[in-house]
PDB file of all heavy atoms in Angstrom:
ATOM      1  N   LYS A   1      25.627  -0.483  47.200  1.00  0.00           N
ATOM      2  CA  LYS A   1      25.857  -0.525  48.652  1.00  0.00           C
ATOM      3  C   LYS A   1      26.480   0.772  49.164  1.00  0.00           C
ATOM      4  O   LYS A   1      26.616   0.953  50.368  1.00  0.00           O
ATOM      5  CB  LYS A   1      26.784  -1.693  48.991  1.00  0.00           C
ATOM      6  CG  LYS A   1      26.218  -3.046  48.610  1.00  0.00           C
ATOM      7  CD  LYS A   1      27.239  -4.144  48.914  1.00  0.00           C
ATOM      8  CE  LYS A   1      26.807  -5.479  48.324  1.00  0.00           C
ATOM      9  NZ  LYS A   1      27.948  -6.337  47.994  1.00  0.00           N
ATOM     10  N   LEU A   2      26.886   1.645  48.235  1.00  0.00           N
ATOM     11  CA  LEU A   2      27.598   2.880  48.594  1.00  0.00           C
ATOM     12  C   LEU A   2      28.785   2.596  49.505  1.00  0.00           C
ATOM     13  O   LEU A   2      28.970   3.231  50.541  1.00  0.00           O
ATOM     14  CB  LEU A   2      26.654   3.904  49.229  1.00  0.00           C
ATOM     15  CG  LEU A   2      25.770   4.652  48.233  1.00  0.00           C
ATOM     16  CD1 LEU A   2      24.955   5.722  48.944  1.00  0.00           C
ATOM     17  CD2 LEU A   2      26.583   5.291  47.108  1.00  0.00           C
ATOM     18  N   GLU A   3      29.573   1.567  49.118  1.00  0.00           N
ATOM     19  CA  GLU A   3      30.774   1.292  49.904  1.00  0.00           C
ATOM     20  C   GLU A   3      31.994   1.226  49.010  1.00  0.00           C
ATOM     21  O   GLU A   3      31.905   0.957  47.816  1.00  0.00           O
ATOM     22  CB  GLU A   3      30.601   0.012  50.731  1.00  0.00           C
ATOM     23  CG  GLU A   3      30.417  -1.237  49.889  1.00  0.00           C
ATOM     24  CD  GLU A   3      30.112  -2.472  50.747  1.00  0.00           C
ATOM     25  OE1 GLU A   3      29.486  -2.331  51.819  1.00  0.00           O
ATOM     26  OE2 GLU A   3      30.487  -3.582  50.319  1.00  0.00           O
ATOM     27  N   LEU A   4      33.154   1.486  49.624  1.00  0.00           N
ATOM     28  CA  LEU A   4      34.421   1.476  48.902  1.00  0.00           C
ATOM     29  C   LEU A   4      34.818   0.042  48.564  1.00  0.00           C
ATOM     30  O   LEU A   4      34.835  -0.821  49.437  1.00  0.00           O
ATOM     31  CB  LEU A   4      35.491   2.143  49.773  1.00  0.00           C
ATOM     32  CG  LEU A   4      36.884   2.326  49.183  1.00  0.00           C
ATOM     33  CD1 LEU A   4      36.843   3.238  47.975  1.00  0.00           C
ATOM     34  CD2 LEU A   4      37.822   2.899  50.239  1.00  0.00           C
ATOM     35  N   VAL A   5      35.123  -0.217  47.279  1.00  0.00           N
ATOM     36  CA  VAL A   5      35.503  -1.557  46.837  1.00  0.00           C
ATOM     37  C   VAL A   5      37.023  -1.691  46.748  1.00  0.00           C
ATOM     38  O   VAL A   5      37.595  -2.681  47.176  1.00  0.00           O
ATOM     39  CB  VAL A   5      34.883  -1.887  45.461  1.00  0.00           C
ATOM     40  CG1 VAL A   5      35.279  -3.282  45.001  1.00  0.00           C
ATOM     41  CG2 VAL A   5      33.369  -1.747  45.497  1.00  0.00           C
ATOM     42  N   LYS A   6      37.694  -0.694  46.148  1.00  0.00           N
ATOM     43  CA  LYS A   6      39.157  -0.751  46.075  1.00  0.00           C
ATOM     44  C   LYS A   6      39.741   0.633  45.856  1.00  0.00           C
ATOM     45  O   LYS A   6      39.046   1.550  45.437  1.00  0.00           O
ATOM     46  CB  LYS A   6      39.629  -1.729  45.004  1.00  0.00           C
ATOM     47  CG  LYS A   6      39.437  -1.267  43.572  1.00  0.00           C
ATOM     48  CD  LYS A   6      40.153  -2.209  42.590  1.00  0.00           C
ATOM     49  CE  LYS A   6      39.501  -3.566  42.519  1.00  0.00           C
ATOM     50  NZ  LYS A   6      40.110  -4.452  41.515  1.00  0.00           N
ATOM     51  N   ILE A   7      41.037   0.741  46.158  1.00  0.00           N
ATOM     52  CA  ILE A   7      41.768   1.979  45.920  1.00  0.00           C
ATOM     53  C   ILE A   7      42.932   1.662  44.990  1.00  0.00           C
ATOM     54  O   ILE A   7      43.728   0.766  45.274  1.00  0.00           O
ATOM     55  CB  ILE A   7      42.283   2.607  47.239  1.00  0.00           C
ATOM     56  CG1 ILE A   7      41.113   2.916  48.179  1.00  0.00           C
ATOM     57  CG2 ILE A   7      43.075   3.875  46.935  1.00  0.00           C
ATOM     58  CD1 ILE A   7      41.527   3.522  49.503  1.00  0.00           C
ATOM     59  N   VAL A   8      43.001   2.364  43.880  1.00  0.00           N
ATOM     60  CA  VAL A   8      44.072   2.192  42.903  1.00  0.00           C
ATOM     61  C   VAL A   8      45.112   3.284  43.137  1.00  0.00           C
ATOM     62  O   VAL A   8      44.764   4.457  43.276  1.00  0.00           O
ATOM     63  CB  VAL A   8      43.503   2.284  41.469  1.00  0.00           C
ATOM     64  CG1 VAL A   8      44.611   2.189  40.433  1.00  0.00           C
ATOM     65  CG2 VAL A   8      42.462   1.198  41.237  1.00  0.00           C
ATOM     66  N   GLN A   9      46.388   2.872  43.185  1.00  0.00           N
ATOM     67  CA  GLN A   9      47.481   3.816  43.463  1.00  0.00           C
ATOM     68  C   GLN A   9      48.404   3.905  42.248  1.00  0.00           C
ATOM     69  O   GLN A   9      49.318   3.098  42.117  1.00  0.00           O
ATOM     70  CB  GLN A   9      48.306   3.329  44.673  1.00  0.00           C
ATOM     71  CG  GLN A   9      47.502   3.119  45.945  1.00  0.00           C
ATOM     72  CD  GLN A   9      47.210   4.410  46.673  1.00  0.00           C
ATOM     73  OE1 GLN A   9      47.611   5.480  46.241  1.00  0.00           O
ATOM     74  NE2 GLN A   9      46.488   4.323  47.771  1.00  0.00           N
ATOM     75  N   PRO A  10      48.166   4.869  41.358  1.00  0.00           N
ATOM     76  CA  PRO A  10      48.995   4.925  40.149  1.00  0.00           C
ATOM     77  C   PRO A  10      50.449   5.328  40.404  1.00  0.00           C
ATOM     78  O   PRO A  10      51.309   5.089  39.560  1.00  0.00           O
ATOM     79  CB  PRO A  10      48.302   5.990  39.282  1.00  0.00           C
ATOM     80  CG  PRO A  10      46.937   6.146  39.867  1.00  0.00           C
ATOM     81  CD  PRO A  10      47.077   5.858  41.332  1.00  0.00           C
ATOM     82  N   GLY A  11      50.737   5.954  41.547  1.00  0.00           N
ATOM     83  CA  GLY A  11      52.095   6.425  41.777  1.00  0.00           C
ATOM     84  C   GLY A  11      52.371   7.750  41.102  1.00  0.00           C
ATOM     85  O   GLY A  11      53.520   8.140  40.935  1.00  0.00           O
ATOM     86  N   ALA A  12      51.312   8.451  40.713  1.00  0.00           N
ATOM     87  CA  ALA A  12      51.480   9.779  40.118  1.00  0.00           C
ATOM     88  C   ALA A  12      51.383  10.828  41.221  1.00  0.00           C
ATOM     89  O   ALA A  12      50.727  10.614  42.236  1.00  0.00           O
ATOM     90  CB  ALA A  12      50.390  10.024  39.073  1.00  0.00           C
ATOM     91  N   LYS A  13      52.036  11.972  41.006  1.00  0.00           N
ATOM     92  CA  LYS A  13      51.963  13.056  42.010  1.00  0.00           C
ATOM     93  C   LYS A  13      50.619  13.772  41.942  1.00  0.00           C
ATOM     94  O   LYS A  13      50.107  14.265  42.936  1.00  0.00           O
ATOM     95  CB  LYS A  13      53.089  14.063  41.775  1.00  0.00           C
ATOM     96  CG  LYS A  13      54.472  13.529  42.055  1.00  0.00           C
ATOM     97  CD  LYS A  13      55.478  14.683  42.145  1.00  0.00           C
ATOM     98  CE  LYS A  13      56.895  14.160  42.316  1.00  0.00           C
ATOM     99  NZ  LYS A  13      57.444  13.639  41.036  1.00  0.00           N
ATOM    100  N   TRP A  14      50.062  13.884  40.710  1.00  0.00           N
ATOM    101  CA  TRP A  14      48.809  14.621  40.560  1.00  0.00           C
ATOM    102  C   TRP A  14      48.081  14.094  39.338  1.00  0.00           C
ATOM    103  O   TRP A  14      48.490  14.330  38.204  1.00  0.00           O
ATOM    104  CB  TRP A  14      49.092  16.119  40.432  1.00  0.00           C
ATOM    105  CG  TRP A  14      47.873  16.992  40.555  1.00  0.00           C
ATOM    106  CD1 TRP A  14      46.575  16.645  40.318  1.00  0.00           C
ATOM    107  CD2 TRP A  14      47.835  18.378  40.938  1.00  0.00           C
ATOM    108  NE1 TRP A  14      45.735  17.707  40.533  1.00  0.00           N
ATOM    109  CE2 TRP A  14      46.486  18.782  40.917  1.00  0.00           C
ATOM    110  CE3 TRP A  14      48.824  19.300  41.295  1.00  0.00           C
ATOM    111  CZ2 TRP A  14      46.094  20.089  41.235  1.00  0.00           C
ATOM    112  CZ3 TRP A  14      48.427  20.584  41.609  1.00  0.00           C
ATOM    113  CH2 TRP A  14      47.076  20.984  41.587  1.00  0.00           C
ATOM    114  N   ILE A  15      47.007  13.333  39.583  1.00  0.00           N
ATOM    115  CA  ILE A  15      46.221  12.738  38.499  1.00  0.00           C
ATOM    116  C   ILE A  15      45.404  13.833  37.811  1.00  0.00           C
ATOM    117  O   ILE A  15      44.743  14.640  38.472  1.00  0.00           O
ATOM    118  CB  ILE A  15      45.280  11.657  39.058  1.00  0.00           C
ATOM    119  CG1 ILE A  15      46.094  10.492  39.632  1.00  0.00           C
ATOM    120  CG2 ILE A  15      44.304  11.161  37.983  1.00  0.00           C
ATOM    121  CD1 ILE A  15      45.282   9.529  40.482  1.00  0.00           C
ATOM    122  N   SER A  16      45.451  13.853  36.476  1.00  0.00           N
ATOM    123  CA  SER A  16      44.638  14.817  35.727  1.00  0.00           C
ATOM    124  C   SER A  16      43.383  14.166  35.181  1.00  0.00           C
ATOM    125  O   SER A  16      42.342  14.815  35.038  1.00  0.00           O
ATOM    126  CB  SER A  16      45.441  15.394  34.557  1.00  0.00           C
ATOM    127  OG  SER A  16      45.773  14.363  33.627  1.00  0.00           O
ATOM    128  N   SER A  17      43.471  12.886  34.855  1.00  0.00           N
ATOM    129  CA  SER A  17      42.413  12.263  34.074  1.00  0.00           C
ATOM    130  C   SER A  17      42.568  10.753  34.136  1.00  0.00           C
ATOM    131  O   SER A  17      43.643  10.242  34.430  1.00  0.00           O
ATOM    132  CB  SER A  17      42.533  12.715  32.611  1.00  0.00           C
ATOM    133  OG  SER A  17      43.881  12.552  32.179  1.00  0.00           O
ATOM    134  N   PHE A  18      41.472  10.046  33.865  1.00  0.00           N
ATOM    135  CA  PHE A  18      41.554   8.596  33.704  1.00  0.00           C
ATOM    136  C   PHE A  18      40.381   8.155  32.847  1.00  0.00           C
ATOM    137  O   PHE A  18      39.422   8.898  32.651  1.00  0.00           O
ATOM    138  CB  PHE A  18      41.550   7.873  35.060  1.00  0.00           C
ATOM    139  CG  PHE A  18      40.216   7.881  35.764  1.00  0.00           C
ATOM    140  CD1 PHE A  18      39.291   6.861  35.565  1.00  0.00           C
ATOM    141  CD2 PHE A  18      39.879   8.917  36.627  1.00  0.00           C
ATOM    142  CE1 PHE A  18      38.050   6.878  36.209  1.00  0.00           C
ATOM    143  CE2 PHE A  18      38.650   8.946  37.277  1.00  0.00           C
ATOM    144  CZ  PHE A  18      37.731   7.918  37.057  1.00  0.00           C
ATOM    145  N   ASP A  19      40.474   6.938  32.304  1.00  0.00           N
ATOM    146  CA  ASP A  19      39.363   6.388  31.542  1.00  0.00           C
ATOM    147  C   ASP A  19      39.350   4.878  31.756  1.00  0.00           C
ATOM    148  O   ASP A  19      40.402   4.253  31.856  1.00  0.00           O
ATOM    149  CB  ASP A  19      39.517   6.723  30.052  1.00  0.00           C
ATOM    150  CG  ASP A  19      38.214   6.557  29.275  1.00  0.00           C
ATOM    151  OD1 ASP A  19      37.125   6.591  29.900  1.00  0.00           O
ATOM    152  OD2 ASP A  19      38.272   6.376  28.046  1.00  0.00           O
ATOM    153  N   VAL A  20      38.144   4.317  31.837  1.00  0.00           N
ATOM    154  CA  VAL A  20      37.993   2.880  32.045  1.00  0.00           C
ATOM    155  C   VAL A  20      37.817   2.223  30.676  1.00  0.00           C
ATOM    156  O   VAL A  20      37.036   2.688  29.848  1.00  0.00           O
ATOM    157  CB  VAL A  20      36.765   2.569  32.933  1.00  0.00           C
ATOM    158  CG1 VAL A  20      36.733   1.081  33.286  1.00  0.00           C
ATOM    159  CG2 VAL A  20      36.765   3.416  34.199  1.00  0.00           C
ATOM    160  N   HIS A  21      38.562   1.146  30.439  1.00  0.00           N
ATOM    161  CA  HIS A  21      38.443   0.396  29.190  1.00  0.00           C
ATOM    162  C   HIS A  21      37.006  -0.137  29.044  1.00  0.00           C
ATOM    163  O   HIS A  21      36.394  -0.519  30.042  1.00  0.00           O
ATOM    164  CB  HIS A  21      39.446  -0.763  29.207  1.00  0.00           C
ATOM    165  CG  HIS A  21      39.501  -1.530  27.933  1.00  0.00           C
ATOM    166  ND1 HIS A  21      38.706  -2.629  27.686  1.00  0.00           N
ATOM    167  CD2 HIS A  21      40.251  -1.352  26.822  1.00  0.00           C
ATOM    168  CE1 HIS A  21      38.971  -3.097  26.473  1.00  0.00           C
ATOM    169  NE2 HIS A  21      39.903  -2.346  25.927  1.00  0.00           N
ATOM    170  N   PRO A  22      36.472  -0.164  27.809  1.00  0.00           N
ATOM    171  CA  PRO A  22      35.087  -0.634  27.622  1.00  0.00           C
ATOM    172  C   PRO A  22      34.832  -2.036  28.179  1.00  0.00           C
ATOM    173  O   PRO A  22      33.712  -2.352  28.572  1.00  0.00           O
ATOM    174  CB  PRO A  22      34.888  -0.620  26.102  1.00  0.00           C
ATOM    175  CG  PRO A  22      35.941   0.277  25.559  1.00  0.00           C
ATOM    176  CD  PRO A  22      37.070   0.302  26.537  1.00  0.00           C
ATOM    177  N   GLY A  23      35.879  -2.866  28.240  1.00  0.00           N
ATOM    178  CA  GLY A  23      35.732  -4.201  28.834  1.00  0.00           C
ATOM    179  C   GLY A  23      35.594  -4.178  30.345  1.00  0.00           C
ATOM    180  O   GLY A  23      35.174  -5.160  30.954  1.00  0.00           O
ATOM    181  N   GLY A  24      35.982  -3.077  30.963  1.00  0.00           N
ATOM    182  CA  GLY A  24      35.745  -2.870  32.387  1.00  0.00           C
ATOM    183  C   GLY A  24      36.854  -3.286  33.333  1.00  0.00           C
ATOM    184  O   GLY A  24      36.789  -2.974  34.516  1.00  0.00           O
ATOM    185  N   ASP A  25      37.886  -3.994  32.851  1.00  0.00           N
ATOM    186  CA  ASP A  25      38.903  -4.516  33.775  1.00  0.00           C
ATOM    187  C   ASP A  25      40.229  -3.759  33.756  1.00  0.00           C
ATOM    188  O   ASP A  25      41.152  -4.104  34.481  1.00  0.00           O
ATOM    189  CB  ASP A  25      39.178  -5.992  33.478  1.00  0.00           C
ATOM    190  CG  ASP A  25      37.956  -6.857  33.745  1.00  0.00           C
ATOM    191  OD1 ASP A  25      37.203  -6.523  34.678  1.00  0.00           O
ATOM    192  OD2 ASP A  25      37.753  -7.848  33.018  1.00  0.00           O
ATOM    193  N   ASN A  26      40.345  -2.758  32.888  1.00  0.00           N
ATOM    194  CA  ASN A  26      41.593  -1.997  32.798  1.00  0.00           C
ATOM    195  C   ASN A  26      41.278  -0.511  32.812  1.00  0.00           C
ATOM    196  O   ASN A  26      40.210  -0.092  32.362  1.00  0.00           O
ATOM    197  CB  ASN A  26      42.336  -2.338  31.504  1.00  0.00           C
ATOM    198  CG  ASN A  26      42.848  -3.772  31.490  1.00  0.00           C
ATOM    199  OD1 ASN A  26      43.973  -4.047  31.870  1.00  0.00           O
ATOM    200  ND2 ASN A  26      41.999  -4.705  31.070  1.00  0.00           N
ATOM    201  N   LEU A  27      42.217   0.282  33.328  1.00  0.00           N
ATOM    202  CA  LEU A  27      42.038   1.722  33.174  1.00  0.00           C
ATOM    203  C   LEU A  27      43.362   2.379  32.866  1.00  0.00           C
ATOM    204  O   LEU A  27      44.436   1.867  33.172  1.00  0.00           O
ATOM    205  CB  LEU A  27      41.307   2.358  34.348  1.00  0.00           C
ATOM    206  CG  LEU A  27      41.783   2.382  35.766  1.00  0.00           C
ATOM    207  CD1 LEU A  27      42.776   3.511  35.980  1.00  0.00           C
ATOM    208  CD2 LEU A  27      40.586   2.675  36.662  1.00  0.00           C
ATOM    209  N   VAL A  28      43.251   3.531  32.199  1.00  0.00           N
ATOM    210  CA  VAL A  28      44.438   4.301  31.850  1.00  0.00           C
ATOM    211  C   VAL A  28      44.326   5.648  32.560  1.00  0.00           C
ATOM    212  O   VAL A  28      43.236   6.212  32.670  1.00  0.00           O
ATOM    213  CB  VAL A  28      44.612   4.414  30.319  1.00  0.00           C
ATOM    214  CG1 VAL A  28      43.527   5.228  29.661  1.00  0.00           C
ATOM    215  CG2 VAL A  28      45.980   4.941  29.951  1.00  0.00           C
ATOM    216  N   VAL A  29      45.456   6.113  33.109  1.00  0.00           N
ATOM    217  CA  VAL A  29      45.490   7.308  33.949  1.00  0.00           C
ATOM    218  C   VAL A  29      46.520   8.279  33.385  1.00  0.00           C
ATOM    219  O   VAL A  29      47.619   7.865  33.010  1.00  0.00           O
ATOM    220  CB  VAL A  29      45.890   6.932  35.404  1.00  0.00           C
ATOM    221  CG1 VAL A  29      45.874   8.160  36.307  1.00  0.00           C
ATOM    222  CG2 VAL A  29      44.989   5.837  35.962  1.00  0.00           C
ATOM    223  N   GLY A  30      46.157   9.551  33.322  1.00  0.00           N
ATOM    224  CA  GLY A  30      47.112  10.588  32.924  1.00  0.00           C
ATOM    225  C   GLY A  30      47.422  11.483  34.106  1.00  0.00           C
ATOM    226  O   GLY A  30      46.578  11.675  34.982  1.00  0.00           O
ATOM    227  N   SER A  31      48.644  12.036  34.131  1.00  0.00           N
ATOM    228  CA  SER A  31      49.018  12.877  35.269  1.00  0.00           C
ATOM    229  C   SER A  31      49.703  14.164  34.823  1.00  0.00           C
ATOM    230  O   SER A  31      50.317  14.218  33.758  1.00  0.00           O
ATOM    231  CB  SER A  31      49.928  12.108  36.233  1.00  0.00           C
ATOM    232  OG  SER A  31      51.242  12.043  35.718  1.00  0.00           O
TER     233      SER A  31
END
């Protein structure tokens, strides 16, 4: 649909990287 579904707010000042867990429901973010 090319529409925004959600916005995740990690609380980091500057995100460097992230990865989605293979199960699809979790992600890990580095800053």
